[in-house]
All heavy atoms as atom14 arrays in JSON, in Angstrom:
{
  "sequence": "QALTDADREGRALFRRWCEAAGMSVAVDRMGTMFARREGA",
  "atom14_mask": [
    [1, 1, 1, 1, 1, 1, 1, 1, 1, 0, 0, 0, 0, 0],
    [1, 1, 1, 1, 1, 0, 0, 0, 0, 0, 0, 0, 0, 0],
    [1, 1, 1, 1, 1, 1, 1, 1, 0, 0, 0, 0, 0, 0],
    [1, 1, 1, 1, 1, 1, 1, 0, 0, 0, 0, 0, 0, 0],
    [1, 1, 1, 1, 1, 1, 1, 1, 0, 0, 0, 0, 0, 0],
    [1, 1, 1, 1, 1, 0, 0, 0, 0, 0, 0, 0, 0, 0],
    [1, 1, 1, 1, 1, 1, 1, 1, 0, 0, 0, 0, 0, 0],
    [1, 1, 1, 1, 1, 1, 1, 1, 1, 1, 1, 0, 0, 0],
    [1, 1, 1, 1, 1, 1, 1, 1, 1, 0, 0, 0, 0, 0],
    [1, 1, 1, 1, 0, 0, 0, 0, 0, 0, 0, 0, 0, 0],
    [1, 1, 1, 1, 1, 1, 1, 1, 1, 1, 1, 0, 0, 0],
    [1, 1, 1, 1, 1, 0, 0, 0, 0, 0, 0, 0, 0, 0],
    [1, 1, 1, 1, 1, 1, 1, 1, 0, 0, 0, 0, 0, 0],
    [1, 1, 1, 1, 1, 1, 1, 1, 1, 1, 1, 0, 0, 0],
    [1, 1, 1, 1, 1, 1, 1, 1, 1, 1, 1, 0, 0, 0],
    [1, 1, 1, 1, 1, 1, 1, 1, 1, 1, 1, 0, 0, 0],
    [1, 1, 1, 1, 1, 1, 1, 1, 1, 1, 1, 1, 1, 1],
    [1, 1, 1, 1, 1, 1, 0, 0, 0, 0, 0, 0, 0, 0],
    [1, 1, 1, 1, 1, 1, 1, 1, 1, 0, 0, 0, 0, 0],
    [1, 1, 1, 1, 1, 0, 0, 0, 0, 0, 0, 0, 0, 0],
    [1, 1, 1, 1, 1, 0, 0, 0, 0, 0, 0, 0, 0, 0],
    [1, 1, 1, 1, 0, 0, 0, 0, 0, 0, 0, 0, 0, 0],
    [1, 1, 1, 1, 1, 1, 1, 1, 0, 0, 0, 0, 0, 0],
    [1, 1, 1, 1, 1, 1, 0, 0, 0, 0, 0, 0, 0, 0],
    [1, 1, 1, 1, 1, 1, 1, 0, 0, 0, 0, 0, 0, 0],
    [1, 1, 1, 1, 1, 0, 0, 0, 0, 0, 0, 0, 0, 0],
    [1, 1, 1, 1, 1, 1, 1, 0, 0, 0, 0, 0, 0, 0],
    [1, 1, 1, 1, 1, 1, 1, 1, 0, 0, 0, 0, 0, 0],
    [1, 1, 1, 1, 1, 1, 1, 1, 1, 1, 1, 0, 0, 0],
    [1, 1, 1, 1, 1, 1, 1, 1, 0, 0, 0, 0, 0, 0],
    [1, 1, 1, 1, 0, 0, 0, 0, 0, 0, 0, 0, 0, 0],
    [1, 1, 1, 1, 1, 1, 1, 0, 0, 0, 0, 0, 0, 0],
    [1, 1, 1, 1, 1, 1, 1, 1, 0, 0, 0, 0, 0, 0],
    [1, 1, 1, 1, 1, 1, 1, 1, 1, 1, 1, 0, 0, 0],
    [1, 1, 1, 1, 1, 0, 0, 0, 0, 0, 0, 0, 0, 0],
    [1, 1, 1, 1, 1, 1, 1, 1, 1, 1, 1, 0, 0, 0],
    [1, 1, 1, 1, 1, 1, 1, 1, 1, 1, 1, 0, 0, 0],
    [1, 1, 1, 1, 1, 1, 1, 1, 1, 0, 0, 0, 0, 0],
    [1, 1, 1, 1, 0, 0, 0, 0, 0, 0, 0, 0, 0, 0],
    [1, 1, 1, 1, 1, 0, 0, 0, 0, 0, 0, 0, 0, 0]
  ],
  "atom14_positions": [
    [[81.92, 27.27, -109.0], [83.07, 26.68, -109.66], [84.05, 26.11, -108.63], [84.07, 26.52, -107.47], [83.76, 27.72, -110.54], [82.89, 28.21, -111.68], [83.6, 29.28, -112.49], [84.6, 29.03, -113.15], [83.07, 30.5, -112.44], [0.0, 0.0, 0.0], [0.0, 0.0, 0.0], [0.0, 0.0, 0.0], [0.0, 0.0, 0.0], [0.0, 0.0, 0.0]],
    [[84.86, 25.18, -109.09], [85.77, 24.46, -108.2], [86.72, 25.41, -107.48], [87.3, 26.32, -108.09], [86.57, 23.43, -108.98], [0.0, 0.0, 0.0], [0.0, 0.0, 0.0], [0.0, 0.0, 0.0], [0.0, 0.0, 0.0], [0.0, 0.0, 0.0], [0.0, 0.0, 0.0], [0.0, 0.0, 0.0], [0.0, 0.0, 0.0], [0.0, 0.0, 0.0]],
    [[86.85, 25.2, -106.17], [87.82, 25.87, -105.31], [87.56, 27.36, -105.16], [88.47, 28.14, -104.85], [89.26, 25.62, -105.8], [89.63, 24.16, -106.08], [91.13, 24.02, -106.31], [89.16, 23.23, -104.98], [0.0, 0.0, 0.0], [0.0, 0.0, 0.0], [0.0, 0.0, 0.0], [0.0, 0.0, 0.0], [0.0, 0.0, 0.0], [0.0, 0.0, 0.0]],
    [[86.32, 27.77, -105.4], [85.9, 29.14, -105.09], [85.34, 29.18, -103.67], [85.15, 28.14, -103.02], [84.82, 29.61, -106.07], [83.7, 28.7, -105.99], [85.35, 29.64, -107.51], [0.0, 0.0, 0.0], [0.0, 0.0, 0.0], [0.0, 0.0, 0.0], [0.0, 0.0, 0.0], [0.0, 0.0, 0.0], [0.0, 0.0, 0.0], [0.0, 0.0, 0.0]],
    [[85.05, 30.39, -103.21], [84.43, 30.51, -101.89], [83.08, 29.8, -101.85], [82.7, 29.22, -100.83], [84.26, 31.98, -101.52], [85.6, 32.67, -101.26], [86.62, 31.97, -101.11], [85.62, 33.92, -101.23], [0.0, 0.0, 0.0], [0.0, 0.0, 0.0], [0.0, 0.0, 0.0], [0.0, 0.0, 0.0], [0.0, 0.0, 0.0], [0.0, 0.0, 0.0]],
    [[82.34, 29.83, -102.98], [81.06, 29.14, -103.02], [81.25, 27.63, -102.92], [80.45, 26.94, -102.26], [80.31, 29.5, -104.31], [0.0, 0.0, 0.0], [0.0, 0.0, 0.0], [0.0, 0.0, 0.0], [0.0, 0.0, 0.0], [0.0, 0.0, 0.0], [0.0, 0.0, 0.0], [0.0, 0.0, 0.0], [0.0, 0.0, 0.0], [0.0, 0.0, 0.0]],
    [[82.29, 27.1, -103.56], [82.59, 25.68, -103.45], [82.88, 25.32, -101.99], [82.4, 24.31, -101.47], [83.78, 25.33, -104.34], [84.12, 23.85, -104.36], [83.25, 23.03, -104.03], [85.26, 23.5, -104.73], [0.0, 0.0, 0.0], [0.0, 0.0, 0.0], [0.0, 0.0, 0.0], [0.0, 0.0, 0.0], [0.0, 0.0, 0.0], [0.0, 0.0, 0.0]],
    [[83.66, 26.16, -101.33], [83.96, 25.92, -99.91], [82.67, 25.86, -99.09], [82.49, 24.97, -98.24], [84.88, 27.02, -99.39], [85.08, 26.97, -97.87], [86.2, 27.9, -97.41], [86.02, 29.26, -97.89], [86.98, 30.19, -97.88], [88.18, 29.89, -97.43], [86.73, 31.41, -98.32], [0.0, 0.0, 0.0], [0.0, 0.0, 0.0], [0.0, 0.0, 0.0]],
    [[81.76, 26.79, -99.35], [80.51, 26.82, -98.6], [79.65, 25.59, -98.88], [79.05, 25.01, -97.97], [79.74, 28.1, -98.96], [78.48, 28.3, -98.14], [77.73, 29.56, -98.54], [78.3, 30.4, -99.27], [76.56, 29.72, -98.11], [0.0, 0.0, 0.0], [0.0, 0.0, 0.0], [0.0, 0.0, 0.0], [0.0, 0.0, 0.0], [0.0, 0.0, 0.0]],
    [[79.6, 25.18, -100.15], [78.83, 23.99, -100.51], [79.39, 22.73, -99.87], [78.65, 21.86, -99.4], [0.0, 0.0, 0.0], [0.0, 0.0, 0.0], [0.0, 0.0, 0.0], [0.0, 0.0, 0.0], [0.0, 0.0, 0.0], [0.0, 0.0, 0.0], [0.0, 0.0, 0.0], [0.0, 0.0, 0.0], [0.0, 0.0, 0.0], [0.0, 0.0, 0.0]],
    [[80.72, 22.63, -99.84], [81.36, 21.49, -99.19], [81.03, 21.43, -97.7], [80.77, 20.35, -97.15], [82.88, 21.59, -99.36], [83.4, 21.34, -100.76], [84.84, 21.84, -100.88], [85.44, 21.48, -102.15], [86.13, 20.37, -102.36], [86.32, 19.51, -101.38], [86.66, 20.1, -103.54], [0.0, 0.0, 0.0], [0.0, 0.0, 0.0], [0.0, 0.0, 0.0]],
    [[81.07, 22.58, -97.05], [80.79, 22.61, -95.62], [79.36, 22.17, -95.32], [79.11, 21.44, -94.35], [81.05, 24.02, -95.08], [0.0, 0.0, 0.0], [0.0, 0.0, 0.0], [0.0, 0.0, 0.0], [0.0, 0.0, 0.0], [0.0, 0.0, 0.0], [0.0, 0.0, 0.0], [0.0, 0.0, 0.0], [0.0, 0.0, 0.0], [0.0, 0.0, 0.0]],
    [[78.41, 22.62, -96.16], [77.02, 22.2, -95.97], [76.89, 20.69, -96.17], [76.23, 20.0, -95.36], [76.13, 22.94, -96.97], [74.66, 22.55, -96.99], [74.01, 22.78, -95.63], [73.92, 23.32, -98.08], [0.0, 0.0, 0.0], [0.0, 0.0, 0.0], [0.0, 0.0, 0.0], [0.0, 0.0, 0.0], [0.0, 0.0, 0.0], [0.0, 0.0, 0.0]],
    [[77.5, 20.18, -97.22], [77.45, 18.74, -97.47], [78.07, 17.96, -96.32], [77.51, 16.94, -95.89], [78.17, 18.43, -98.79], [78.26, 16.97, -99.11], [77.13, 16.19, -99.23], [79.51, 16.37, -99.31], [77.22, 14.84, -99.54], [79.61, 15.03, -99.61], [78.46, 14.26, -99.72], [0.0, 0.0, 0.0], [0.0, 0.0, 0.0], [0.0, 0.0, 0.0]],
    [[79.18, 18.42, -95.79], [79.81, 17.73, -94.67], [78.89, 17.7, -93.45], [78.76, 16.66, -92.78], [81.13, 18.41, -94.31], [81.87, 17.7, -93.18], [83.27, 18.26, -92.99], [84.13, 17.27, -92.35], [85.45, 17.27, -92.44], [86.06, 18.19, -93.15], [86.16, 16.34, -91.84], [0.0, 0.0, 0.0], [0.0, 0.0, 0.0], [0.0, 0.0, 0.0]],
    [[78.23, 18.82, -93.17], [77.31, 18.85, -92.02], [76.2, 17.84, -92.21], [75.82, 17.13, -91.26], [76.73, 20.27, -91.85], [77.72, 21.29, -91.35], [77.03, 22.54, -90.81], [76.24, 23.24, -91.82], [76.72, 24.16, -92.65], [78.0, 24.48, -92.61], [75.92, 24.77, -93.52], [0.0, 0.0, 0.0], [0.0, 0.0, 0.0], [0.0, 0.0, 0.0]],
    [[75.66, 17.77, -93.41], [74.59, 16.8, -93.68], [75.07, 15.37, -93.5], [74.36, 14.53, -92.95], [74.06, 17.01, -95.09], [73.13, 18.17, -95.25], [72.44, 18.82, -94.25], [72.78, 18.83, -96.47], [71.68, 19.83, -94.78], [71.86, 19.86, -96.14], [73.13, 18.64, -97.8], [71.31, 20.7, -97.1], [72.57, 19.47, -98.76], [71.68, 20.49, -98.42]],
    [[76.26, 15.08, -94.0], [76.8, 13.72, -93.88], [77.03, 13.34, -92.42], [76.68, 12.23, -92.0], [78.11, 13.6, -94.67], [77.91, 13.64, -96.46], [0.0, 0.0, 0.0], [0.0, 0.0, 0.0], [0.0, 0.0, 0.0], [0.0, 0.0, 0.0], [0.0, 0.0, 0.0], [0.0, 0.0, 0.0], [0.0, 0.0, 0.0], [0.0, 0.0, 0.0]],
    [[77.61, 14.24, -91.67], [77.88, 13.94, -90.26], [76.59, 13.81, -89.47], [76.49, 12.97, -88.57], [78.8, 15.01, -89.68], [80.22, 14.93, -90.26], [81.13, 16.04, -89.78], [80.6, 17.06, -89.26], [82.36, 15.91, -89.95], [0.0, 0.0, 0.0], [0.0, 0.0, 0.0], [0.0, 0.0, 0.0], [0.0, 0.0, 0.0], [0.0, 0.0, 0.0]],
    [[75.57, 14.6, -89.84], [74.27, 14.47, -89.18], [73.64, 13.12, -89.47], [72.85, 12.61, -88.66], [73.34, 15.6, -89.63], [0.0, 0.0, 0.0], [0.0, 0.0, 0.0], [0.0, 0.0, 0.0], [0.0, 0.0, 0.0], [0.0, 0.0, 0.0], [0.0, 0.0, 0.0], [0.0, 0.0, 0.0], [0.0, 0.0, 0.0], [0.0, 0.0, 0.0]],
    [[74.0, 12.53, -90.62], [73.49, 11.21, -90.98], [74.37, 10.09, -90.42], [74.18, 8.91, -90.78], [73.39, 11.08, -92.5], [0.0, 0.0, 0.0], [0.0, 0.0, 0.0], [0.0, 0.0, 0.0], [0.0, 0.0, 0.0], [0.0, 0.0, 0.0], [0.0, 0.0, 0.0], [0.0, 0.0, 0.0], [0.0, 0.0, 0.0], [0.0, 0.0, 0.0]],
    [[75.32, 10.44, -89.57], [76.14, 9.43, -88.9], [77.33, 8.94, -89.69], [77.97, 7.96, -89.29], [0.0, 0.0, 0.0], [0.0, 0.0, 0.0], [0.0, 0.0, 0.0], [0.0, 0.0, 0.0], [0.0, 0.0, 0.0], [0.0, 0.0, 0.0], [0.0, 0.0, 0.0], [0.0, 0.0, 0.0], [0.0, 0.0, 0.0], [0.0, 0.0, 0.0]],
    [[77.66, 9.61, -90.78], [78.8, 9.19, -91.58], [80.08, 9.89, -91.14], [80.05, 11.03, -90.66], [78.54, 9.48, -93.07], [77.46, 8.59, -93.68], [77.31, 8.83, -95.47], [76.39, 10.36, -95.52], [0.0, 0.0, 0.0], [0.0, 0.0, 0.0], [0.0, 0.0, 0.0], [0.0, 0.0, 0.0], [0.0, 0.0, 0.0], [0.0, 0.0, 0.0]],
    [[81.19, 9.2, -91.32], [82.5, 9.81, -91.1], [83.0, 10.34, -92.45], [82.8, 9.71, -93.49], [83.49, 8.79, -90.54], [83.64, 7.68, -91.43], [0.0, 0.0, 0.0], [0.0, 0.0, 0.0], [0.0, 0.0, 0.0], [0.0, 0.0, 0.0], [0.0, 0.0, 0.0], [0.0, 0.0, 0.0], [0.0, 0.0, 0.0], [0.0, 0.0, 0.0]],
    [[83.64, 11.51, -92.44], [84.06, 12.16, -93.68], [85.58, 12.26, -93.73], [86.19, 12.83, -92.83], [83.43, 13.56, -93.82], [83.87, 14.22, -95.12], [81.9, 13.48, -93.75], [0.0, 0.0, 0.0], [0.0, 0.0, 0.0], [0.0, 0.0, 0.0], [0.0, 0.0, 0.0], [0.0, 0.0, 0.0], [0.0, 0.0, 0.0], [0.0, 0.0, 0.0]],
    [[86.16, 11.71, -94.78], [87.59, 11.82, -95.04], [87.79, 12.68, -96.28], [86.93, 12.74, -97.16], [88.21, 10.44, -95.24], [0.0, 0.0, 0.0], [0.0, 0.0, 0.0], [0.0, 0.0, 0.0], [0.0, 0.0, 0.0], [0.0, 0.0, 0.0], [0.0, 0.0, 0.0], [0.0, 0.0, 0.0], [0.0, 0.0, 0.0], [0.0, 0.0, 0.0]],
    [[88.95, 13.35, -96.35], [89.27, 14.22, -97.48], [90.68, 13.89, -97.96], [91.61, 13.82, -97.14], [89.17, 15.71, -97.09], [89.47, 16.61, -98.29], [87.81, 16.03, -96.49], [0.0, 0.0, 0.0], [0.0, 0.0, 0.0], [0.0, 0.0, 0.0], [0.0, 0.0, 0.0], [0.0, 0.0, 0.0], [0.0, 0.0, 0.0], [0.0, 0.0, 0.0]],
    [[90.84, 13.7, -99.26], [92.17, 13.39, -99.77], [92.89, 14.66, -100.22], [92.36, 15.78, -100.12], [92.12, 12.32, -100.86], [91.56, 12.8, -102.19], [91.38, 14.01, -102.38], [91.31, 11.93, -103.06], [0.0, 0.0, 0.0], [0.0, 0.0, 0.0], [0.0, 0.0, 0.0], [0.0, 0.0, 0.0], [0.0, 0.0, 0.0], [0.0, 0.0, 0.0]],
    [[94.1, 14.51, -100.72], [94.93, 15.67, -101.06], [94.44, 16.42, -102.3], [94.91, 17.53, -102.57], [96.38, 15.22, -101.26], [97.02, 14.69, -99.97], [98.46, 14.28, -100.19], [99.31, 15.43, -100.52], [100.57, 15.35, -100.95], [101.11, 14.14, -101.11], [101.26, 16.43, -101.23], [0.0, 0.0, 0.0], [0.0, 0.0, 0.0], [0.0, 0.0, 0.0]],
    [[93.47, 15.87, -103.01], [92.81, 16.59, -104.09], [91.54, 17.28, -103.63], [90.83, 17.9, -104.43], [92.49, 15.64, -105.25], [93.68, 15.31, -106.12], [94.33, 16.75, -107.03], [92.97, 17.09, -108.15], [0.0, 0.0, 0.0], [0.0, 0.0, 0.0], [0.0, 0.0, 0.0], [0.0, 0.0, 0.0], [0.0, 0.0, 0.0], [0.0, 0.0, 0.0]],
    [[91.23, 17.16, -102.35], [90.02, 17.78, -101.83], [88.77, 16.95, -102.02], [87.67, 17.4, -101.68], [0.0, 0.0, 0.0], [0.0, 0.0, 0.0], [0.0, 0.0, 0.0], [0.0, 0.0, 0.0], [0.0, 0.0, 0.0], [0.0, 0.0, 0.0], [0.0, 0.0, 0.0], [0.0, 0.0, 0.0], [0.0, 0.0, 0.0], [0.0, 0.0, 0.0]],
    [[88.9, 15.75, -102.57], [87.73, 14.89, -102.75], [87.23, 14.41, -101.39], [88.02, 14.01, -100.53], [88.07, 13.71, -103.65], [88.43, 14.21, -104.95], [86.89, 12.76, -103.8], [0.0, 0.0, 0.0], [0.0, 0.0, 0.0], [0.0, 0.0, 0.0], [0.0, 0.0, 0.0], [0.0, 0.0, 0.0], [0.0, 0.0, 0.0], [0.0, 0.0, 0.0]],
    [[85.92, 14.43, -101.21], [85.29, 14.08, -99.94], [84.72, 12.67, -100.01], [84.01, 12.33, -100.98], [84.17, 15.07, -99.62], [84.62, 16.52, -99.57], [83.23, 17.69, -99.44], [82.58, 17.26, -97.81], [0.0, 0.0, 0.0], [0.0, 0.0, 0.0], [0.0, 0.0, 0.0], [0.0, 0.0, 0.0], [0.0, 0.0, 0.0], [0.0, 0.0, 0.0]],
    [[84.99, 11.86, -99.0], [84.5, 10.49, -98.91], [83.75, 10.33, -97.6], [84.35, 10.32, -96.52], [85.66, 9.49, -98.96], [86.51, 9.59, -100.2], [87.68, 10.34, -100.2], [86.15, 8.92, -101.36], [88.48, 10.43, -101.33], [86.93, 9.0, -102.51], [88.1, 9.76, -102.5], [0.0, 0.0, 0.0], [0.0, 0.0, 0.0], [0.0, 0.0, 0.0]],
    [[82.42, 10.21, -97.68], [81.58, 10.05, -96.49], [81.2, 8.57, -96.37], [80.58, 8.0, -97.27], [80.33, 10.91, -96.59], [0.0, 0.0, 0.0], [0.0, 0.0, 0.0], [0.0, 0.0, 0.0], [0.0, 0.0, 0.0], [0.0, 0.0, 0.0], [0.0, 0.0, 0.0], [0.0, 0.0, 0.0], [0.0, 0.0, 0.0], [0.0, 0.0, 0.0]],
    [[81.56, 7.95, -95.25], [81.43, 6.5, -95.09], [80.32, 6.14, -94.1], [80.28, 6.65, -92.98], [82.76, 5.92, -94.62], [82.75, 4.4, -94.4], [84.12, 3.94, -93.94], [84.17, 2.53, -93.57], [84.84, 1.6, -94.25], [85.51, 1.93, -95.34], [84.84, 0.35, -93.84], [0.0, 0.0, 0.0], [0.0, 0.0, 0.0], [0.0, 0.0, 0.0]],
    [[79.44, 5.26, -94.56], [78.45, 4.62, -93.69], [78.95, 3.21, -93.43], [79.09, 2.41, -94.35], [77.07, 4.58, -94.35], [75.96, 4.02, -93.45], [74.64, 3.98, -94.21], [73.49, 3.8, -93.32], [72.93, 2.62, -93.05], [73.41, 1.5, -93.61], [71.88, 2.55, -92.24], [0.0, 0.0, 0.0], [0.0, 0.0, 0.0], [0.0, 0.0, 0.0]],
    [[79.21, 2.88, -92.19], [79.88, 1.62, -91.87], [78.99, 0.42, -92.18], [77.76, 0.5, -92.1], [80.29, 1.6, -90.4], [81.35, 0.55, -90.09], [82.57, 0.69, -90.99], [83.46, 1.48, -90.65], [82.61, 0.02, -92.05], [0.0, 0.0, 0.0], [0.0, 0.0, 0.0], [0.0, 0.0, 0.0], [0.0, 0.0, 0.0], [0.0, 0.0, 0.0]],
    [[79.64, -0.67, -92.57], [78.95, -1.92, -92.82], [79.16, -2.92, -91.7], [79.99, -2.71, -90.81], [0.0, 0.0, 0.0], [0.0, 0.0, 0.0], [0.0, 0.0, 0.0], [0.0, 0.0, 0.0], [0.0, 0.0, 0.0], [0.0, 0.0, 0.0], [0.0, 0.0, 0.0], [0.0, 0.0, 0.0], [0.0, 0.0, 0.0], [0.0, 0.0, 0.0]],
    [[78.42, -4.01, -91.75], [78.56, -5.06, -90.73], [79.94, -5.71, -90.8], [80.44, -6.21, -89.78], [77.48, -6.11, -90.91], [0.0, 0.0, 0.0], [0.0, 0.0, 0.0], [0.0, 0.0, 0.0], [0.0, 0.0, 0.0], [0.0, 0.0, 0.0], [0.0, 0.0, 0.0], [0.0, 0.0, 0.0], [0.0, 0.0, 0.0], [0.0, 0.0, 0.0]]
  ]
}
């Protein structure tokens, strides 16, 4: 469920995967995660 310890753990795993794929990760004040793959 949202904002539980399990949510925190799932977010951290997702962030690691995104960064391993070369994406930059931004987070807004609602905690929404935005992983960006740059374009030309």
